[in-house]
Amino acid sequence: MQPAFFIRPEVRSLPSAEGTILLDLRSGKYFALNSTGSLVWNRLELGAGREEIERALCETLGAGGEVGADLDLLLAGLEKRGLIGREKFVETPRGASPDREECSRRMERPAARPGFREDVAASETPHRASLPWAFAGFAALFFTDLAVKLLGFPGCSRLLARTARAGGPSDSRCIARICGAVDGAARFYFKRAWCLQRSLAATLLLRLAGQPAELVIGVRRLPFLAHAWVEVEGRVVNDDPRVKPTFPEMARC
């Protein structure tokens, strides 16, 4: 009998030259897999069972010895962190025991939970917000700042999911007004407003105004850094457009 694993639907993955980055949308935590761990993850995405994954490791690594113990350690770690689950047990064909080879390296790097940072300069919105919009921007920023602190990333994701995305055409003047209001509120806010809070506030206000706004989260592998921004119809509206090539997209909501 061998366990059949499945990847949790809330987990997003981003392959890179150095390995794979995982984002758990429920907890907001990031995990980094090296090249060997990435091979295991790729097999899990294809629905492979444990024995099939072990055979693939043996064929790919080309070393002599034992890989089963390291594989079990990685799978147990992924399951413990809620990234994968066990669906059921399926029979292993008789005589299918694979040759085991040496794999003394660690497959998973320690979990990381970095804060969202501002290392790409935000674009200045030329539109100057009126007083009502300035108050709206400050209120939205305060609300999202409190929501991030009390609910964390999972709660904010659920909150955003409850606000319907508008399906109509966008209004560039409305977008500029709202983004300008949030940016202005961030400049006078009583503490540093990180990109996640600013982007959440802008996304909520834009959706309430009927704009098809989406919150996008990107991750850079080396040095490891996460960033959030807002897009409308594929266009960055509250940040420098260079964030798109700088931070490969990890999640969108």
C-alpha atoms as a PDB file:
ATOM      1  CA  MET A   1       0.000   0.000   0.000  1.00  0.00           C
ATOM      2  CA  GLN A   2       1.251   3.505  -0.783  1.00  0.00           C
ATOM      3  CA  PRO A   3      -0.335   6.831   0.199  1.00  0.00           C
ATOM      4  CA  ALA A   4      -1.752   8.995  -2.586  1.00  0.00           C
ATOM      5  CA  PHE A   5      -1.014  12.637  -1.867  1.00  0.00           C
ATOM      6  CA  PHE A   6      -2.753  15.717  -3.255  1.00  0.00           C
ATOM      7  CA  ILE A   7      -1.824  19.392  -3.207  1.00  0.00           C
ATOM      8  CA  ARG A   8      -4.157  21.632  -1.230  1.00  0.00           C
ATOM      9  CA  PRO A   9      -6.158  23.926  -3.549  1.00  0.00           C
ATOM     10  CA  GLU A  10      -5.138  27.009  -1.532  1.00  0.00           C
ATOM     11  CA  VAL A  11      -1.439  26.472  -2.290  1.00  0.00           C
ATOM     12  CA  ARG A  12       0.211  28.376  -5.135  1.00  0.00           C
ATOM     13  CA  SER A  13       3.604  27.470  -6.591  1.00  0.00           C
ATOM     14  CA  LEU A  14       6.150  29.476  -8.552  1.00  0.00           C
ATOM     15  CA  PRO A  15       9.062  27.627 -10.220  1.00  0.00           C
ATOM     16  CA  SER A  16      12.414  29.345 -10.608  1.00  0.00           C
ATOM     17  CA  ALA A  17      15.981  28.487 -11.589  1.00  0.00           C
ATOM     18  CA  GLU A  18      16.880  27.865  -7.931  1.00  0.00           C
ATOM     19  CA  GLY A  19      13.823  25.801  -7.001  1.00  0.00           C
ATOM     20  CA  THR A  20      10.156  26.414  -6.236  1.00  0.00           C
ATOM     21  CA  ILE A  21       8.392  28.928  -3.986  1.00  0.00           C
ATOM     22  CA  LEU A  22       5.131  27.892  -2.330  1.00  0.00           C
ATOM     23  CA  LEU A  23       2.494  30.268  -0.973  1.00  0.00           C
ATOM     24  CA  ASP A  24      -0.257  29.056   1.344  1.00  0.00           C
ATOM     25  CA  LEU A  25      -3.125  31.505   0.890  1.00  0.00           C
ATOM     26  CA  ARG A  26      -4.721  30.352   4.159  1.00  0.00           C
ATOM     27  CA  SER A  27      -1.780  31.230   6.380  1.00  0.00           C
ATOM     28  CA  GLY A  28       0.075  33.735   4.194  1.00  0.00           C
ATOM     29  CA  LYS A  29       3.291  31.762   4.706  1.00  0.00           C
ATOM     30  CA  TYR A  30       5.937  31.172   2.052  1.00  0.00           C
ATOM     31  CA  PHE A  31       8.065  28.049   1.668  1.00  0.00           C
ATOM     32  CA  ALA A  32      11.137  27.503  -0.493  1.00  0.00           C
ATOM     33  CA  LEU A  33      12.055  24.169  -2.090  1.00  0.00           C
ATOM     34  CA  ASN A  34      15.450  23.496  -3.610  1.00  0.00           C
ATOM     35  CA  SER A  35      15.894  21.681  -6.929  1.00  0.00           C
ATOM     36  CA  THR A  36      15.371  18.234  -5.426  1.00  0.00           C
ATOM     37  CA  GLY A  37      12.306  19.348  -3.504  1.00  0.00           C
ATOM     38  CA  SER A  38      11.026  20.902  -6.723  1.00  0.00           C
ATOM     39  CA  LEU A  39      11.268  17.534  -8.440  1.00  0.00           C
ATOM     40  CA  VAL A  40       9.108  16.032  -5.713  1.00  0.00           C
ATOM     41  CA  TRP A  41       6.613  18.878  -5.984  1.00  0.00           C
ATOM     42  CA  ASN A  42       6.384  18.511  -9.761  1.00  0.00           C
ATOM     43  CA  ARG A  43       5.579  14.825  -9.341  1.00  0.00           C
ATOM     44  CA  LEU A  44       2.918  15.661  -6.763  1.00  0.00           C
ATOM     45  CA  GLU A  45       1.356  18.078  -9.260  1.00  0.00           C
ATOM     46  CA  LEU A  46       1.141  15.171 -11.714  1.00  0.00           C
ATOM     47  CA  GLY A  47      -0.636  13.032  -9.122  1.00  0.00           C
ATOM     48  CA  ALA A  48       2.249  10.615  -8.546  1.00  0.00           C
ATOM     49  CA  GLY A  49       2.283   8.367  -5.475  1.00  0.00           C
ATOM     50  CA  ARG A  50       5.150   7.981  -3.046  1.00  0.00           C
ATOM     51  CA  GLU A  51       6.776   4.987  -4.732  1.00  0.00           C
ATOM     52  CA  GLU A  52       6.624   6.641  -8.140  1.00  0.00           C
ATOM     53  CA  ILE A  53       8.229   9.783  -6.711  1.00  0.00           C
ATOM     54  CA  GLU A  54      10.981   7.700  -5.124  1.00  0.00           C
ATOM     55  CA  ARG A  55      11.743   5.989  -8.412  1.00  0.00           C
ATOM     56  CA  ALA A  56      11.935   9.365 -10.155  1.00  0.00           C
ATOM     57  CA  LEU A  57      14.393  10.610  -7.524  1.00  0.00           C
ATOM     58  CA  CYS A  58      16.549   7.526  -7.935  1.00  0.00           C
ATOM     59  CA  GLU A  59      16.657   7.935 -11.714  1.00  0.00           C
ATOM     60  CA  THR A  60      17.336  11.676 -11.611  1.00  0.00           C
ATOM     61  CA  LEU A  61      19.901  11.948  -8.833  1.00  0.00           C
ATOM     62  CA  GLY A  62      22.017   9.040 -10.035  1.00  0.00           C
ATOM     63  CA  ALA A  63      23.658   8.405  -6.638  1.00  0.00           C
ATOM     64  CA  GLY A  64      23.870   5.183  -4.711  1.00  0.00           C
ATOM     65  CA  GLY A  65      22.140   4.658  -1.386  1.00  0.00           C
ATOM     66  CA  GLU A  66      18.908   5.571   0.338  1.00  0.00           C
ATOM     67  CA  VAL A  67      16.367   8.232  -0.706  1.00  0.00           C
ATOM     68  CA  GLY A  68      13.280   6.882   1.001  1.00  0.00           C
ATOM     69  CA  ALA A  69      13.989   8.387   4.414  1.00  0.00           C
ATOM     70  CA  ASP A  70      14.627  11.886   2.997  1.00  0.00           C
ATOM     71  CA  LEU A  71      11.532  11.652   0.816  1.00  0.00           C
ATOM     72  CA  ASP A  72       9.359  10.615   3.762  1.00  0.00           C
ATOM     73  CA  LEU A  73      10.795  13.504   5.790  1.00  0.00           C
ATOM     74  CA  LEU A  74       9.912  16.008   3.069  1.00  0.00           C
ATOM     75  CA  LEU A  75       6.412  14.620   2.520  1.00  0.00           C
ATOM     76  CA  ALA A  76       5.764  14.632   6.258  1.00  0.00           C
ATOM     77  CA  GLY A  77       6.937  18.240   6.462  1.00  0.00           C
ATOM     78  CA  LEU A  78       4.703  19.328   3.582  1.00  0.00           C
ATOM     79  CA  GLU A  79       1.743  17.502   5.125  1.00  0.00           C
ATOM     80  CA  LYS A  80       2.405  18.958   8.587  1.00  0.00           C
ATOM     81  CA  ARG A  81       2.411  22.477   7.141  1.00  0.00           C
ATOM     82  CA  GLY A  82      -0.894  21.810   5.376  1.00  0.00           C
ATOM     83  CA  LEU A  83       0.521  22.069   1.861  1.00  0.00           C
ATOM     84  CA  ILE A  84      -0.437  18.533   0.865  1.00  0.00           C
ATOM     85  CA  GLY A  85      -2.910  15.960   2.128  1.00  0.00           C
ATOM     86  CA  ARG A  86      -3.441  12.208   1.955  1.00  0.00           C
ATOM     87  CA  GLU A  87      -6.331  11.225  -0.219  1.00  0.00           C
ATOM     88  CA  LYS A  88      -6.370   7.480   0.284  1.00  0.00           C
ATOM     89  CA  PHE A  89      -4.207   4.401   0.225  1.00  0.00           C
ATOM     90  CA  VAL A  90      -3.687   2.558  -3.040  1.00  0.00           C
ATOM     91  CA  GLU A  91      -2.100  -0.778  -3.637  1.00  0.00           C
ATOM     92  CA  THR A  92       1.505  -1.022  -4.706  1.00  0.00           C
ATOM     93  CA  PRO A  93       2.037  -3.696  -7.387  1.00  0.00           C
ATOM     94  CA  ARG A  94       4.043  -6.633  -6.162  1.00  0.00           C
ATOM     95  CA  GLY A  95       7.658  -6.654  -7.182  1.00  0.00           C
ATOM     96  CA  ALA A  96       7.634  -2.890  -7.731  1.00  0.00           C
ATOM     97  CA  SER A  97      10.080  -2.084  -4.935  1.00  0.00           C
ATOM     98  CA  PRO A  98      12.515   0.458  -6.409  1.00  0.00           C
ATOM     99  CA  ASP A  99      16.274   0.569  -6.093  1.00  0.00           C
ATOM    100  CA  ARG A 100      17.180   3.060  -3.385  1.00  0.00           C
ATOM    101  CA  GLU A 101      19.999   5.529  -3.841  1.00  0.00           C
ATOM    102  CA  GLU A 102      21.883   8.048  -1.752  1.00  0.00           C
ATOM    103  CA  CYS A 103      20.242  11.422  -1.171  1.00  0.00           C
ATOM    104  CA  SER A 104      21.718  13.023   1.915  1.00  0.00           C
ATOM    105  CA  ARG A 105      20.747  16.594   1.012  1.00  0.00           C
ATOM    106  CA  ARG A 106      17.814  18.450   2.563  1.00  0.00           C
ATOM    107  CA  MET A 107      14.946  18.882   0.109  1.00  0.00           C
ATOM    108  CA  GLU A 108      13.148  21.703   1.858  1.00  0.00           C
ATOM    109  CA  ARG A 109      14.528  24.977   3.101  1.00  0.00           C
ATOM    110  CA  PRO A 110      13.138  26.578   6.275  1.00  0.00           C
ATOM    111  CA  ALA A 111       9.800  28.284   5.928  1.00  0.00           C
ATOM    112  CA  ALA A 112       9.888  32.025   5.432  1.00  0.00           C
ATOM    113  CA  ARG A 113       7.289  34.622   6.250  1.00  0.00           C
ATOM    114  CA  PRO A 114       8.655  37.944   5.093  1.00  0.00           C
ATOM    115  CA  GLY A 115       6.778  41.168   5.341  1.00  0.00           C
ATOM    116  CA  PHE A 116       5.644  42.886   2.207  1.00  0.00           C
ATOM    117  CA  ARG A 117       8.190  45.559   1.406  1.00  0.00           C
ATOM    118  CA  GLU A 118       8.552  48.568  -0.844  1.00  0.00           C
ATOM    119  CA  ASP A 119      11.733  48.204  -2.869  1.00  0.00           C
ATOM    120  CA  VAL A 120      10.127  49.420  -6.101  1.00  0.00           C
ATOM    121  CA  ALA A 121       9.152  53.060  -6.036  1.00  0.00           C
ATOM    122  CA  ALA A 122       5.422  53.655  -6.269  1.00  0.00           C
ATOM    123  CA  SER A 123       4.325  55.809  -9.140  1.00  0.00           C
ATOM    124  CA  GLU A 124       2.965  59.209  -8.249  1.00  0.00           C
ATOM    125  CA  THR A 125      -0.655  59.633  -9.235  1.00  0.00           C
ATOM    126  CA  PRO A 126      -1.076  63.045 -10.845  1.00  0.00           C
ATOM    127  CA  HIS A 127      -4.722  63.295  -9.827  1.00  0.00           C
ATOM    128  CA  ARG A 128      -5.196  65.178  -6.570  1.00  0.00           C
ATOM    129  CA  ALA A 129      -7.911  63.599  -4.443  1.00  0.00           C
ATOM    130  CA  SER A 130     -10.812  65.750  -3.255  1.00  0.00           C
ATOM    131  CA  LEU A 131     -11.560  65.978   0.458  1.00  0.00           C
ATOM    132  CA  PRO A 132     -14.285  63.258   0.471  1.00  0.00           C
ATOM    133  CA  TRP A 133     -12.005  60.871  -1.405  1.00  0.00           C
ATOM    134  CA  ALA A 134      -9.137  61.727   0.934  1.00  0.00           C
ATOM    135  CA  PHE A 135     -11.282  60.713   3.897  1.00  0.00           C
ATOM    136  CA  ALA A 136     -12.348  57.561   2.041  1.00  0.00           C
ATOM    137  CA  GLY A 137      -8.708  56.681   1.347  1.00  0.00           C
ATOM    138  CA  PHE A 138      -7.722  57.180   4.967  1.00  0.00           C
ATOM    139  CA  ALA A 139     -10.718  55.162   6.227  1.00  0.00           C
ATOM    140  CA  ALA A 140      -9.976  52.315   3.802  1.00  0.00           C
ATOM    141  CA  LEU A 141      -6.312  52.297   4.778  1.00  0.00           C
ATOM    142  CA  PHE A 142      -7.160  52.242   8.489  1.00  0.00           C
ATOM    143  CA  PHE A 143      -9.687  49.436   7.922  1.00  0.00           C
ATOM    144  CA  THR A 144      -7.307  47.240   5.926  1.00  0.00           C
ATOM    145  CA  ASP A 145      -4.452  47.907   8.339  1.00  0.00           C
ATOM    146  CA  LEU A 146      -6.671  46.734  11.195  1.00  0.00           C
ATOM    147  CA  ALA A 147      -7.906  43.756   9.160  1.00  0.00           C
ATOM    148  CA  VAL A 148      -4.356  42.601   8.386  1.00  0.00           C
ATOM    149  CA  LYS A 149      -3.460  42.843  12.077  1.00  0.00           C
ATOM    150  CA  LEU A 150      -6.569  41.064  13.392  1.00  0.00           C
ATOM    151  CA  LEU A 151      -7.441  38.656  10.583  1.00  0.00           C
ATOM    152  CA  GLY A 152      -4.062  38.108   8.960  1.00  0.00           C
ATOM    153  CA  PHE A 153      -3.611  37.341   5.308  1.00  0.00           C
ATOM    154  CA  PRO A 154      -6.225  34.510   5.198  1.00  0.00           C
ATOM    155  CA  GLY A 155      -8.975  36.725   6.608  1.00  0.00           C
ATOM    156  CA  CYS A 156      -8.131  39.547   4.229  1.00  0.00           C
ATOM    157  CA  SER A 157      -8.236  37.140   1.295  1.00  0.00           C
ATOM    158  CA  ARG A 158     -11.706  35.985   2.321  1.00  0.00           C
ATOM    159  CA  LEU A 159     -12.811  39.583   2.790  1.00  0.00           C
ATOM    160  CA  LEU A 160     -11.597  40.503  -0.664  1.00  0.00           C
ATOM    161  CA  ALA A 161     -13.255  37.429  -2.172  1.00  0.00           C
ATOM    162  CA  ARG A 162     -16.625  38.672  -0.914  1.00  0.00           C
ATOM    163  CA  THR A 163     -16.350  41.870  -2.917  1.00  0.00           C
ATOM    164  CA  ALA A 164     -17.442  41.125  -6.456  1.00  0.00           C
ATOM    165  CA  ARG A 165     -15.207  42.148  -9.336  1.00  0.00           C
ATOM    166  CA  ALA A 166     -16.997  44.515 -11.653  1.00  0.00           C
ATOM    167  CA  GLY A 167     -17.350  43.315 -15.206  1.00  0.00           C
ATOM    168  CA  GLY A 168     -17.813  46.646 -16.938  1.00  0.00           C
ATOM    169  CA  PRO A 169     -15.255  48.934 -18.574  1.00  0.00           C
ATOM    170  CA  SER A 170     -12.771  50.781 -16.418  1.00  0.00           C
ATOM    171  CA  ASP A 171     -12.770  54.518 -15.768  1.00  0.00           C
ATOM    172  CA  SER A 172      -9.248  55.950 -15.780  1.00  0.00           C
ATOM    173  CA  ARG A 173     -10.269  59.132 -13.946  1.00  0.00           C
ATOM    174  CA  CYS A 174     -11.995  57.175 -11.199  1.00  0.00           C
ATOM    175  CA  ILE A 175      -8.986  54.868 -10.865  1.00  0.00           C
ATOM    176  CA  ALA A 176      -6.573  57.791 -10.622  1.00  0.00           C
ATOM    177  CA  ARG A 177      -8.776  59.505  -8.045  1.00  0.00           C
ATOM    178  CA  ILE A 178      -8.985  56.455  -5.782  1.00  0.00           C
ATOM    179  CA  CYS A 179      -5.326  55.485  -6.063  1.00  0.00           C
ATOM    180  CA  GLY A 180      -4.379  59.087  -5.401  1.00  0.00           C
ATOM    181  CA  ALA A 181      -6.601  59.116  -2.314  1.00  0.00           C
ATOM    182  CA  VAL A 182      -4.987  55.962  -0.887  1.00  0.00           C
ATOM    183  CA  ASP A 183      -1.457  57.184  -1.709  1.00  0.00           C
ATOM    184  CA  GLY A 184      -2.209  60.530  -0.070  1.00  0.00           C
ATOM    185  CA  ALA A 185      -3.597  58.822   3.031  1.00  0.00           C
ATOM    186  CA  ALA A 186      -0.497  56.615   3.216  1.00  0.00           C
ATOM    187  CA  ARG A 187       1.768  59.671   3.218  1.00  0.00           C
ATOM    188  CA  PHE A 188      -0.035  61.152   6.233  1.00  0.00           C
ATOM    189  CA  TYR A 189      -0.815  57.856   7.986  1.00  0.00           C
ATOM    190  CA  PHE A 190       0.426  57.610  11.577  1.00  0.00           C
ATOM    191  CA  LYS A 191       2.740  54.691  10.708  1.00  0.00           C
ATOM    192  CA  ARG A 192       4.349  53.058   7.700  1.00  0.00           C
ATOM    193  CA  ALA A 193       1.701  51.745   5.325  1.00  0.00           C
ATOM    194  CA  TRP A 194       3.124  48.684   3.600  1.00  0.00           C
ATOM    195  CA  CYS A 195       2.245  47.701   0.067  1.00  0.00           C
ATOM    196  CA  LEU A 196      -0.211  44.997   1.191  1.00  0.00           C
ATOM    197  CA  GLN A 197      -2.325  47.424   3.218  1.00  0.00           C
ATOM    198  CA  ARG A 198      -2.221  50.081   0.502  1.00  0.00           C
ATOM    199  CA  SER A 199      -3.122  47.634  -2.232  1.00  0.00           C
ATOM    200  CA  LEU A 200      -5.929  46.066  -0.211  1.00  0.00           C
ATOM    201  CA  ALA A 201      -7.377  49.512   0.480  1.00  0.00           C
ATOM    202  CA  ALA A 202      -7.163  50.554  -3.170  1.00  0.00           C
ATOM    203  CA  THR A 203      -8.665  47.279  -4.399  1.00  0.00           C
ATOM    204  CA  LEU A 204     -11.632  47.516  -2.030  1.00  0.00           C
ATOM    205  CA  LEU A 205     -12.374  51.139  -2.932  1.00  0.00           C
ATOM    206  CA  LEU A 206     -12.005  50.475  -6.654  1.00  0.00           C
ATOM    207  CA  ARG A 207     -14.401  47.547  -6.506  1.00  0.00           C
ATOM    208  CA  LEU A 208     -16.912  49.551  -4.507  1.00  0.00           C
ATOM    209  CA  ALA A 209     -16.670  52.168  -7.279  1.00  0.00           C
ATOM    210  CA  GLY A 210     -17.417  49.516  -9.910  1.00  0.00           C
ATOM    211  CA  GLN A 211     -13.878  49.103 -11.240  1.00  0.00           C
ATOM    212  CA  PRO A 212     -12.531  45.626 -12.197  1.00  0.00           C
ATOM    213  CA  ALA A 213      -9.595  45.791  -9.778  1.00  0.00           C
ATOM    214  CA  GLU A 214      -7.471  42.813  -8.765  1.00  0.00           C
ATOM    215  CA  LEU A 215      -4.939  42.452  -5.962  1.00  0.00           C
ATOM    216  CA  VAL A 216      -1.745  40.804  -7.226  1.00  0.00           C
ATOM    217  CA  ILE A 217       1.023  39.287  -5.105  1.00  0.00           C
ATOM    218  CA  GLY A 218       4.449  38.634  -6.595  1.00  0.00           C
ATOM    219  CA  VAL A 219       7.575  37.048  -5.185  1.00  0.00           C
ATOM    220  CA  ARG A 220      11.232  37.481  -6.026  1.00  0.00           C
ATOM    221  CA  ARG A 221      13.423  34.457  -5.306  1.00  0.00           C
ATOM    222  CA  LEU A 222      16.837  36.018  -4.630  1.00  0.00           C
ATOM    223  CA  PRO A 223      16.904  37.992  -2.445  1.00  0.00           C
ATOM    224  CA  PHE A 224      13.608  36.616  -1.178  1.00  0.00           C
ATOM    225  CA  LEU A 225      11.004  39.382  -1.184  1.00  0.00           C
ATOM    226  CA  ALA A 226       7.228  39.660  -1.619  1.00  0.00           C
ATOM    227  CA  HIS A 227       5.324  42.610  -3.029  1.00  0.00           C
ATOM    228  CA  ALA A 228       1.653  43.493  -3.595  1.00  0.00           C
ATOM    229  CA  TRP A 229       0.035  45.846  -6.087  1.00  0.00           C
ATOM    230  CA  VAL A 230      -3.279  46.508  -7.878  1.00  0.00           C
ATOM    231  CA  GLU A 231      -4.097  45.838 -11.509  1.00  0.00           C
ATOM    232  CA  VAL A 232      -7.066  46.864 -13.623  1.00  0.00           C
ATOM    233  CA  GLU A 233      -7.439  45.014 -16.916  1.00  0.00           C
ATOM    234  CA  GLY A 234      -3.837  43.826 -16.656  1.00  0.00           C
ATOM    235  CA  ARG A 235      -2.422  47.307 -16.015  1.00  0.00           C
ATOM    236  CA  VAL A 236      -0.640  48.286 -12.782  1.00  0.00           C
ATOM    237  CA  VAL A 237      -2.534  51.275 -11.367  1.00  0.00           C
ATOM    238  CA  ASN A 238      -1.031  51.990  -7.934  1.00  0.00           C
ATOM    239  CA  ASP A 239       2.649  51.220  -8.441  1.00  0.00           C
ATOM    240  CA  ASP A 240       5.536  51.297 -10.880  1.00  0.00           C
ATOM    241  CA  PRO A 241       4.798  49.031 -13.893  1.00  0.00           C
ATOM    242  CA  ARG A 242       8.221  47.436 -13.365  1.00  0.00           C
ATOM    243  CA  VAL A 243       6.837  45.412 -10.470  1.00  0.00           C
ATOM    244  CA  LYS A 244       5.406  42.922 -12.970  1.00  0.00           C
ATOM    245  CA  PRO A 245       8.741  41.723 -14.421  1.00  0.00           C
ATOM    246  CA  THR A 246      10.538  42.249 -11.095  1.00  0.00           C
ATOM    247  CA  PHE A 247       8.142  40.140  -9.005  1.00  0.00           C
ATOM    248  CA  PRO A 248       6.756  37.108 -10.871  1.00  0.00           C
ATOM    249  CA  GLU A 249       3.075  36.687 -10.072  1.00  0.00           C
ATOM    250  CA  MET A 250       2.268  34.256  -7.268  1.00  0.00           C
ATOM    251  CA  ALA A 251      -1.418  34.895  -6.598  1.00  0.00           C
ATOM    252  CA  ARG A 252      -4.261  37.084  -7.820  1.00  0.00           C
ATOM    253  CA  CYS A 253      -7.559  37.791  -6.118  1.00  0.00           C
END
